[in-house]
Amino acid sequence: MLKRLSYRINGVVGRYFPEQRLFLKSDNDTRFIRLAPMTQAVAVSGAALFLGWTILATSILLIESISAGSGRDQAQRQQVLYEARLNALSADRDLRAEEAARAQERFNLALKEVSEMQGRLLASEDGRRELETGVDVIQSTLRRTIKERDEARTEKTMLTASLQAETGSGRTGESRARDASSTVEILAEALAGIAEQRDSIAMVAMAAKDETDAIAAQKRALETKNDVIFAKLEEAVTISMEPLDKMFRSAGMSPDDLLKSVRRGYSGQGGPLTPFSLSTKGETLSNDEIRANAILQGLDRMNLYRLAAAKSPFAIPIKSAFRFTSGFGYRRDPKGAGTRMHAGTDFAGAYGTPIYATADGVVTYAGWNSGYGRQVKIQHEFGIETSYAHQSNIRVKVGQRVSRGDRIGDMGNSGRSTGTHLHYEVRIGGKPVNPMTFIKAATDVF
């Protein structure tokens, strides 16, 4: 039965692959090899399958090569855009700081002008009060002199009448009358001079009052201008403070505790701005001085935020092309050890990619650490520690002080690792936190 089926199959296949004979000739005899139709069909099928597999594998390799090249180009373009954005934001931040400094200078100049105008106004008020006092004295003297003149005339008339009644002669009375008349004329001349002086003083007082009104108008205009300046400064401080406060809160840090720590480290000369204070006892601050103190406190808080940001790991440890391969949190272990906590973020890149410090600090560990491989730990301010694991080469030593952007090692595959990458951790008070919280917070603000 099987033999008959084999004949039939050979007969069908023989239509397309007829039987062939391969002759082999030697010095003594000639032999041949018989190639049945089934044998030829199997050989052709095997060759076709091998050719198809070769074409398919080549296509897959070409597609992966093209996609890998486009991915690197895209990563480079994103890196260039990110750096351009950082440069633009840095320039805008410097411009805002310069505008705030210029506004503070204008504010100090305006305060100086207000102080000078207040001094001139007080001097004018003192002069006006002195003039008013002089006018009152002159008017009192004039009223007294007029009263004395009237009393002298009455006395003159009475004396003249008495003298005529006693002596019956008016000569002595006339002489006395002439004397009294001369006295009255002298008094009248004196009163005329006093009246003229009074009118002159009144004109001076009116001029002083006009000058006082003009100074008061200038003061009101300056106060209005100061209100506009204060409003702009308060708005600028508020707008600049909100994203900074949000950045530190997003990173899981208390802004108040953070600023207290920075202030303790920068409490000497040349540190934060200090508010206005009065040297005269018993006086209180004006509204402008209160607003100025609030603005200066806001600028002081911004300066402290700047110092805190410079000492915190708000940066990416990799500047070359990379991709995120594993985030913070629980995950399935890549080597089949079940679900475990992953206390950092993995950045995959080329072997030997430079690794940079994300903030200023001191190297506390640099060497081999079991599953972490070649590891570097850096202690920063505010109880923050960063860790860089699986390196191929370490470029720092324990006790060395590094700054943000300093190269500390090269990316590798040391320790418990499935491929070339950087395992990056951030710990606050020994407790691991998500590094992307810091990186995202800095990206949103800067």
Protein backbone atom coordinates (compact mmCIF):
# COMPACT_ATOMS: atom_id res chain seq x y z
CA MET A 1 0.00 0.00 0.00
CA LEU A 2 2.77 2.47 0.95
CA LYS A 3 4.75 1.43 -2.09
CA ARG A 4 1.81 2.09 -4.37
CA LEU A 5 1.26 5.53 -2.75
CA SER A 6 4.93 6.33 -3.25
CA TYR A 7 4.69 5.46 -6.96
CA ARG A 8 1.67 7.73 -7.36
CA ILE A 9 3.38 10.67 -5.61
CA ASN A 10 6.51 10.17 -7.74
CA GLY A 11 4.34 10.06 -10.81
CA VAL A 12 2.64 13.38 -9.94
CA VAL A 13 5.89 15.08 -8.97
CA GLY A 14 7.60 13.59 -12.04
CA ARG A 15 5.51 15.83 -14.27
CA TYR A 16 7.43 18.84 -12.87
CA PHE A 17 10.68 17.20 -11.81
CA PRO A 18 11.47 14.27 -14.18
CA GLU A 19 13.95 11.67 -12.99
CA GLN A 20 17.56 12.72 -13.44
CA ARG A 21 20.77 10.74 -13.46
CA LEU A 22 24.13 12.07 -12.37
CA PHE A 23 27.03 10.18 -14.04
CA LEU A 24 30.36 9.81 -12.24
CA LYS A 25 33.21 8.59 -14.46
CA SER A 26 36.49 7.21 -13.13
CA ASP A 27 39.55 5.57 -14.73
CA ASN A 28 38.12 2.04 -14.34
CA ASP A 29 34.35 2.44 -14.76
CA THR A 30 31.39 4.75 -14.98
CA ARG A 31 28.71 5.03 -12.30
CA PHE A 32 25.56 7.13 -11.95
CA ILE A 33 23.35 8.46 -9.18
CA ARG A 34 19.63 8.37 -9.65
CA LEU A 35 17.73 11.52 -8.54
CA ALA A 36 14.09 10.66 -7.99
CA PRO A 37 11.37 13.31 -8.46
CA MET A 38 10.64 13.39 -4.70
CA THR A 39 14.31 13.98 -3.91
CA GLN A 40 14.44 16.90 -6.36
CA ALA A 41 11.21 18.38 -4.94
CA VAL A 42 12.54 18.20 -1.35
CA ALA A 43 15.84 19.83 -2.38
CA VAL A 44 14.08 22.66 -4.26
CA SER A 45 11.66 23.25 -1.35
CA GLY A 46 14.53 23.38 1.15
CA ALA A 47 16.44 25.85 -1.02
CA ALA A 48 13.31 28.04 -1.39
CA LEU A 49 12.69 28.03 2.39
CA PHE A 50 16.32 28.95 3.11
CA LEU A 51 16.18 31.80 0.56
CA GLY A 52 12.90 33.13 2.03
CA TRP A 53 14.24 32.99 5.59
CA THR A 54 17.38 34.86 4.49
CA ILE A 55 15.31 37.63 2.83
CA LEU A 56 13.01 37.96 5.88
CA ALA A 57 15.91 38.19 8.39
CA THR A 58 17.69 40.76 6.24
CA SER A 59 14.51 42.89 6.06
CA ILE A 60 14.04 42.78 9.83
CA LEU A 61 17.64 43.83 10.44
CA LEU A 62 17.32 46.71 7.95
CA ILE A 63 14.05 47.91 9.56
CA GLU A 64 15.55 47.81 13.07
CA SER A 65 18.65 49.68 11.86
CA ILE A 66 16.52 52.40 10.22
CA SER A 67 14.23 52.76 13.29
CA ALA A 68 17.25 52.91 15.65
CA GLY A 69 18.83 55.66 13.54
CA SER A 70 15.61 57.72 13.48
CA GLY A 71 15.21 57.27 17.28
CA ARG A 72 18.72 58.63 17.90
CA ASP A 73 18.04 61.59 15.61
CA GLN A 74 14.77 62.30 17.41
CA ALA A 75 16.48 62.08 20.83
CA GLN A 76 19.19 64.48 19.64
CA ARG A 77 16.55 66.92 18.35
CA GLN A 78 14.68 66.74 21.66
CA GLN A 79 17.95 67.32 23.53
CA VAL A 80 18.70 70.41 21.40
CA LEU A 81 15.17 71.75 21.95
CA TYR A 82 15.43 71.12 25.68
CA GLU A 83 18.77 72.93 25.93
CA ALA A 84 17.41 75.85 23.88
CA ARG A 85 14.41 76.08 26.20
CA LEU A 86 16.66 76.01 29.26
CA ASN A 87 18.82 78.81 27.79
CA ALA A 88 15.75 80.91 26.97
CA LEU A 89 14.27 80.43 30.44
CA SER A 90 17.62 81.24 32.05
CA ALA A 91 17.87 84.47 30.02
CA ASP A 92 14.29 85.38 30.96
CA ARG A 93 15.04 84.71 34.64
CA ASP A 94 18.14 86.95 34.49
CA LEU A 95 16.06 89.65 32.76
CA ARG A 96 13.42 89.46 35.51
CA ALA A 97 16.12 89.73 38.18
CA GLU A 98 17.63 92.75 36.41
CA GLU A 99 14.18 94.38 36.13
CA ALA A 100 13.61 93.79 39.86
CA ALA A 101 16.99 95.36 40.67
CA ARG A 102 16.21 98.39 38.50
CA ALA A 103 12.77 98.70 40.08
CA GLN A 104 14.35 98.59 43.54
CA GLU A 105 16.78 101.37 42.52
CA ARG A 106 13.86 103.47 41.23
CA PHE A 107 12.00 102.77 44.46
CA ASN A 108 14.98 103.91 46.59
CA LEU A 109 15.30 107.08 44.48
CA ALA A 110 11.58 107.78 44.87
CA LEU A 111 11.83 107.32 48.64
CA LYS A 112 14.76 109.76 48.71
CA GLU A 113 12.77 112.34 46.70
CA VAL A 114 9.77 111.90 49.01
CA SER A 115 12.02 112.43 52.04
CA GLU A 116 13.50 115.60 50.53
CA MET A 117 10.06 116.94 49.61
CA GLN A 118 8.77 116.19 53.10
CA GLY A 119 11.73 118.11 54.54
CA ARG A 120 10.98 121.12 52.30
CA LEU A 121 7.29 120.89 53.19
CA LEU A 122 8.06 120.86 56.93
CA ALA A 123 10.41 123.82 56.51
CA SER A 124 7.72 125.70 54.58
CA GLU A 125 5.16 124.90 57.28
CA ASP A 126 7.54 126.25 59.95
CA GLY A 127 8.07 129.48 57.95
CA ARG A 128 4.33 129.90 57.46
CA ARG A 129 3.70 129.45 61.20
CA GLU A 130 6.41 132.02 61.98
CA LEU A 131 4.84 134.49 59.53
CA GLU A 132 1.40 133.94 61.01
CA THR A 133 2.85 134.51 64.49
CA GLY A 134 4.50 137.74 63.28
CA VAL A 135 1.26 138.96 61.71
CA ASP A 136 -0.62 138.25 64.94
CA VAL A 137 2.01 140.20 66.94
CA ILE A 138 1.86 143.15 64.52
CA GLN A 139 -1.93 143.20 64.57
CA SER A 140 -1.91 143.08 68.38
CA THR A 141 0.62 145.94 68.49
CA LEU A 142 -1.46 147.93 65.99
CA ARG A 143 -4.64 147.49 68.01
CA ARG A 144 -2.81 148.52 71.20
CA THR A 145 -1.30 151.60 69.47
CA ILE A 146 -4.68 152.69 68.07
CA LYS A 147 -6.20 152.30 71.49
CA GLU A 148 -3.39 154.36 73.06
CA ARG A 149 -3.83 157.02 70.36
CA ASP A 150 -7.56 157.29 71.08
CA GLU A 151 -6.87 157.46 74.81
CA ALA A 152 -4.23 160.20 74.20
CA ARG A 153 -6.69 162.28 72.14
CA THR A 154 -9.37 161.94 74.81
CA GLU A 155 -6.88 162.86 77.53
CA LYS A 156 -5.71 165.83 75.44
CA THR A 157 -9.25 167.16 75.11
CA MET A 158 -9.91 166.68 78.82
CA LEU A 159 -6.64 168.41 79.82
CA THR A 160 -7.25 171.32 77.46
CA ALA A 161 -10.76 171.88 78.84
CA SER A 162 -9.51 171.65 82.43
CA LEU A 163 -6.65 174.09 81.77
CA GLN A 164 -8.95 176.65 80.19
CA ALA A 165 -11.37 176.38 83.11
CA GLU A 166 -8.64 176.85 85.70
CA THR A 167 -6.42 179.52 84.08
CA GLY A 168 -8.82 181.19 81.68
CA SER A 169 -6.03 181.08 79.09
CA GLY A 170 -5.76 178.74 76.16
CA ARG A 171 -2.12 179.31 75.32
CA THR A 172 -0.73 176.66 77.51
CA GLY A 173 -3.52 174.37 76.35
CA GLU A 174 -2.68 175.11 72.75
CA SER A 175 0.95 174.34 73.39
CA ARG A 176 0.00 171.11 75.00
CA ALA A 177 -2.40 170.38 72.16
CA ARG A 178 0.39 170.93 69.67
CA ASP A 179 2.59 168.56 71.59
CA ALA A 180 -0.20 165.99 71.69
CA SER A 181 -0.88 166.52 67.99
CA SER A 182 2.81 165.98 67.22
CA THR A 183 2.73 162.82 69.30
CA VAL A 184 -0.34 161.63 67.47
CA GLU A 185 1.31 162.33 64.10
CA ILE A 186 4.36 160.33 65.14
CA LEU A 187 2.13 157.50 66.28
CA ALA A 188 0.17 157.67 63.02
CA GLU A 189 3.36 157.46 60.99
CA ALA A 190 4.49 154.49 63.10
CA LEU A 191 1.12 152.82 62.62
CA ALA A 192 1.28 153.41 58.86
CA GLY A 193 4.70 151.72 58.77
CA ILE A 194 3.42 148.86 60.87
CA ALA A 195 0.38 148.46 58.55
CA GLU A 196 2.68 148.44 55.52
CA GLN A 197 4.88 145.82 57.20
CA ARG A 198 1.77 143.79 58.04
CA ASP A 199 0.65 143.85 54.39
CA SER A 200 4.12 142.77 53.27
CA ILE A 201 4.14 139.89 55.77
CA ALA A 202 0.64 138.89 54.64
CA MET A 203 1.86 138.73 51.03
CA VAL A 204 4.84 136.58 52.10
CA ALA A 205 2.47 134.32 54.02
CA MET A 206 0.24 133.95 50.94
CA ALA A 207 3.27 133.09 48.79
CA ALA A 208 4.37 130.52 51.40
CA LYS A 209 0.88 129.02 51.38
CA ASP A 210 0.94 128.77 47.56
CA GLU A 211 4.35 127.08 47.72
CA THR A 212 3.05 124.71 50.40
CA ASP A 213 0.07 123.80 48.22
CA ALA A 214 2.38 123.17 45.23
CA ILE A 215 4.66 120.93 47.33
CA ALA A 216 1.61 119.06 48.63
CA ALA A 217 0.41 118.52 45.04
CA GLN A 218 3.85 117.21 44.06
CA LYS A 219 3.80 114.92 47.07
CA ARG A 220 0.39 113.53 46.07
CA ALA A 221 1.62 112.95 42.49
CA LEU A 222 4.73 111.20 43.80
CA GLU A 223 2.62 109.05 46.12
CA THR A 224 0.45 108.05 43.15
CA LYS A 225 3.57 107.16 41.18
CA ASN A 226 4.89 105.17 44.13
CA ASP A 227 1.59 103.27 44.34
CA VAL A 228 1.99 102.22 40.69
CA ILE A 229 5.61 101.15 41.29
CA PHE A 230 4.61 99.24 44.43
CA ALA A 231 1.78 97.49 42.58
CA LYS A 232 4.09 96.37 39.75
CA LEU A 233 6.75 95.18 42.19
CA GLU A 234 4.19 93.28 44.28
CA GLU A 235 2.76 91.65 41.15
CA ALA A 236 6.24 90.67 39.88
CA VAL A 237 7.19 89.17 43.25
CA THR A 238 3.92 87.23 43.49
CA ILE A 239 4.19 85.85 39.93
CA SER A 240 7.83 84.83 40.48
CA MET A 241 7.20 83.24 43.89
CA GLU A 242 4.32 80.91 43.00
CA PRO A 243 6.20 78.58 40.58
CA LEU A 244 9.22 78.40 42.93
CA ASP A 245 7.01 77.45 45.86
CA LYS A 246 5.19 74.90 43.70
CA MET A 247 8.50 73.43 42.51
CA PHE A 248 9.73 72.59 46.02
CA ARG A 249 6.32 71.32 47.15
CA SER A 250 6.17 69.06 44.07
CA ALA A 251 9.57 67.68 45.07
CA GLY A 252 8.13 66.71 48.47
CA MET A 253 10.00 69.40 50.45
CA SER A 254 8.56 71.94 52.90
CA PRO A 255 9.39 75.43 51.53
CA ASP A 256 9.30 77.04 55.01
CA ASP A 257 11.70 74.51 56.56
CA LEU A 258 13.91 74.69 53.48
CA LEU A 259 14.16 78.49 53.59
CA LYS A 260 14.88 78.43 57.35
CA SER A 261 17.79 76.10 56.68
CA VAL A 262 19.13 78.33 53.88
CA ARG A 263 18.72 81.46 56.03
CA ARG A 264 20.76 79.88 58.83
CA GLY A 265 23.59 79.29 56.37
CA TYR A 266 23.44 82.82 54.91
CA SER A 267 22.87 85.06 57.95
CA GLY A 268 26.13 87.07 57.76
CA GLN A 269 26.92 90.24 55.86
CA GLY A 270 26.01 90.20 52.21
CA GLY A 271 23.11 87.80 52.80
CA PRO A 272 19.36 88.39 52.40
CA LEU A 273 17.89 91.90 52.24
CA THR A 274 16.77 93.39 55.58
CA PRO A 275 13.56 95.44 56.04
CA PHE A 276 13.29 99.13 56.92
CA SER A 277 13.63 100.13 60.59
CA LEU A 278 13.12 103.40 62.44
CA SER A 279 15.82 104.86 64.68
CA THR A 280 13.45 107.39 66.30
CA LYS A 281 11.60 105.92 69.26
CA GLY A 282 7.82 106.14 69.37
CA GLU A 283 7.33 106.41 65.56
CA THR A 284 5.46 103.86 63.44
CA LEU A 285 6.04 102.72 59.86
CA SER A 286 4.04 104.40 57.09
CA ASN A 287 1.98 102.44 54.57
CA ASP A 288 4.69 102.88 51.92
CA GLU A 289 7.34 101.57 54.29
CA ILE A 290 5.14 98.59 55.20
CA ARG A 291 4.63 97.77 51.50
CA ALA A 292 8.35 98.23 50.85
CA ASN A 293 9.15 95.80 53.67
CA ALA A 294 6.75 93.25 52.18
CA ILE A 295 8.42 93.58 48.75
CA LEU A 296 11.90 93.28 50.27
CA GLN A 297 10.80 90.18 52.18
CA GLY A 298 9.49 88.71 48.91
CA LEU A 299 12.80 89.45 47.16
CA ASP A 300 14.61 87.91 50.14
CA ARG A 301 12.45 84.77 49.82
CA MET A 302 13.19 84.60 46.06
CA ASN A 303 16.92 84.90 46.78
CA LEU A 304 16.69 82.08 49.33
CA TYR A 305 14.76 79.95 46.81
CA ARG A 306 17.55 80.58 44.27
CA LEU A 307 20.17 79.43 46.77
CA ALA A 308 18.12 76.34 47.67
CA ALA A 309 17.57 75.42 44.00
CA ALA A 310 21.32 75.69 43.35
CA LYS A 311 22.00 73.12 46.10
CA SER A 312 19.16 70.67 45.25
CA PRO A 313 19.28 67.94 42.52
CA PHE A 314 17.07 69.73 39.98
CA ALA A 315 18.95 68.36 36.94
CA ILE A 316 19.22 65.28 34.70
CA PRO A 317 22.32 63.12 35.25
CA ILE A 318 22.55 62.25 31.52
CA LYS A 319 23.08 64.90 28.82
CA SER A 320 23.56 62.55 25.84
CA ALA A 321 20.90 60.53 24.03
CA PHE A 322 19.05 58.11 26.33
CA ARG A 323 15.66 56.56 27.03
CA PHE A 324 13.78 55.73 30.22
CA THR A 325 13.60 51.96 30.76
CA SER A 326 12.19 51.68 34.28
CA GLY A 327 10.56 54.15 36.68
CA PHE A 328 10.19 54.51 40.43
CA GLY A 329 7.89 52.13 42.31
CA TYR A 330 6.96 48.44 42.41
CA ARG A 331 7.77 46.42 39.28
CA ARG A 332 8.31 42.84 38.12
CA ASP A 333 11.99 42.00 38.65
CA PRO A 334 13.81 41.81 35.26
CA LYS A 335 15.65 38.65 36.39
CA GLY A 336 12.53 36.81 37.54
CA ALA A 337 12.70 37.49 41.30
CA GLY A 338 9.03 38.47 41.58
CA THR A 339 7.52 41.90 42.22
CA ARG A 340 9.87 44.23 44.11
CA MET A 341 10.32 47.91 44.93
CA HIS A 342 12.46 49.84 42.43
CA ALA A 343 13.86 52.80 44.42
CA GLY A 344 15.11 54.84 41.46
CA THR A 345 14.85 55.60 37.74
CA ASP A 346 16.78 53.81 34.96
CA PHE A 347 18.33 55.71 32.02
CA ALA A 348 19.53 53.47 29.15
CA GLY A 349 22.21 54.69 26.75
CA ALA A 350 25.45 53.83 25.01
CA TYR A 351 28.27 52.17 26.94
CA GLY A 352 30.57 54.86 28.41
CA THR A 353 27.98 57.68 28.26
CA PRO A 354 29.13 60.47 30.65
CA ILE A 355 27.28 60.72 34.00
CA TYR A 356 27.05 64.12 35.73
CA ALA A 357 26.30 65.27 39.29
CA THR A 358 22.81 66.78 39.59
CA ALA A 359 23.71 69.24 42.40
CA ASP A 360 26.60 70.52 44.52
CA GLY A 361 27.72 68.12 47.24
CA VAL A 362 30.39 65.84 48.73
CA VAL A 363 31.14 62.29 47.54
CA THR A 364 30.45 59.87 50.42
CA TYR A 365 30.87 56.56 48.54
CA ALA A 366 32.73 55.58 45.36
CA GLY A 367 33.32 51.90 44.68
CA TRP A 368 31.78 48.44 44.21
CA ASN A 369 28.50 47.85 46.07
CA SER A 370 27.09 44.34 45.48
CA GLY A 371 24.03 44.47 43.17
CA TYR A 372 24.58 48.20 42.48
CA GLY A 373 27.93 47.45 40.84
CA ARG A 374 30.21 50.48 40.60
CA GLN A 375 28.30 53.11 42.57
CA VAL A 376 28.80 56.77 43.55
CA LYS A 377 26.87 58.46 46.38
CA ILE A 378 26.81 62.26 46.83
CA GLN A 379 25.54 64.03 49.97
CA HIS A 380 23.81 67.38 49.28
CA GLU A 381 22.28 70.07 51.46
CA PHE A 382 18.96 69.67 53.31
CA GLY A 383 19.51 65.94 53.97
CA ILE A 384 19.35 65.01 50.25
CA GLU A 385 21.50 62.17 48.84
CA THR A 386 21.82 61.04 45.20
CA SER A 387 23.11 57.65 44.00
CA TYR A 388 24.51 56.62 40.57
CA ALA A 389 24.83 52.83 40.04
CA HIS A 390 25.99 50.24 37.42
CA GLN A 391 28.84 52.46 36.17
CA SER A 392 31.66 51.21 33.99
CA ASN A 393 34.18 53.73 35.33
CA ILE A 394 34.21 55.97 38.44
CA ARG A 395 35.89 59.39 38.08
CA VAL A 396 35.60 60.78 41.67
CA LYS A 397 36.90 59.87 45.13
CA VAL A 398 35.35 59.79 48.61
CA GLY A 399 35.52 63.23 50.26
CA GLN A 400 35.76 65.06 46.94
CA ARG A 401 33.50 68.13 46.59
CA VAL A 402 31.65 68.27 43.27
CA SER A 403 29.45 70.86 41.60
CA ARG A 404 26.36 70.48 39.47
CA GLY A 405 27.39 69.35 35.98
CA ASP A 406 30.73 67.78 37.04
CA ARG A 407 31.41 64.42 35.40
CA ILE A 408 31.50 61.67 38.06
CA GLY A 409 31.58 58.48 35.96
CA ASP A 410 30.62 56.55 32.81
CA MET A 411 27.51 54.47 32.09
CA GLY A 412 28.04 50.69 32.23
CA ASN A 413 26.55 47.29 33.03
CA SER A 414 28.21 46.39 36.35
CA GLY A 415 26.42 44.65 39.23
CA ARG A 416 22.96 43.10 38.95
CA SER A 417 21.98 44.47 35.55
CA THR A 418 20.48 43.20 32.27
CA GLY A 419 22.07 45.85 30.04
CA THR A 420 23.95 49.15 29.84
CA HIS A 421 22.08 51.80 31.87
CA LEU A 422 22.28 54.19 34.86
CA HIS A 423 20.26 53.47 38.00
CA TYR A 424 19.67 56.93 39.58
CA GLU A 425 18.26 57.37 43.12
CA VAL A 426 17.31 60.40 45.27
CA ARG A 427 16.87 60.00 49.03
CA ILE A 428 15.68 62.61 51.58
CA GLY A 429 16.58 61.75 55.16
CA GLY A 430 17.46 58.23 54.01
CA LYS A 431 14.02 57.64 52.47
CA PRO A 432 13.88 57.07 48.66
CA VAL A 433 11.74 59.47 46.62
CA ASN A 434 10.88 59.54 42.93
CA PRO A 435 13.77 61.27 41.06
CA MET A 436 11.36 62.32 38.29
CA THR A 437 9.61 64.57 40.83
CA PHE A 438 12.74 66.73 40.98
CA ILE A 439 13.43 66.55 37.25
CA LYS A 440 9.82 67.38 36.28
CA ALA A 441 9.60 70.19 38.87
CA ALA A 442 12.74 71.84 37.47
CA THR A 443 11.48 71.38 33.88
CA ASP A 444 8.15 73.09 34.70
CA VAL A 445 9.87 76.13 36.30
CA PHE A 446 13.17 76.58 34.44
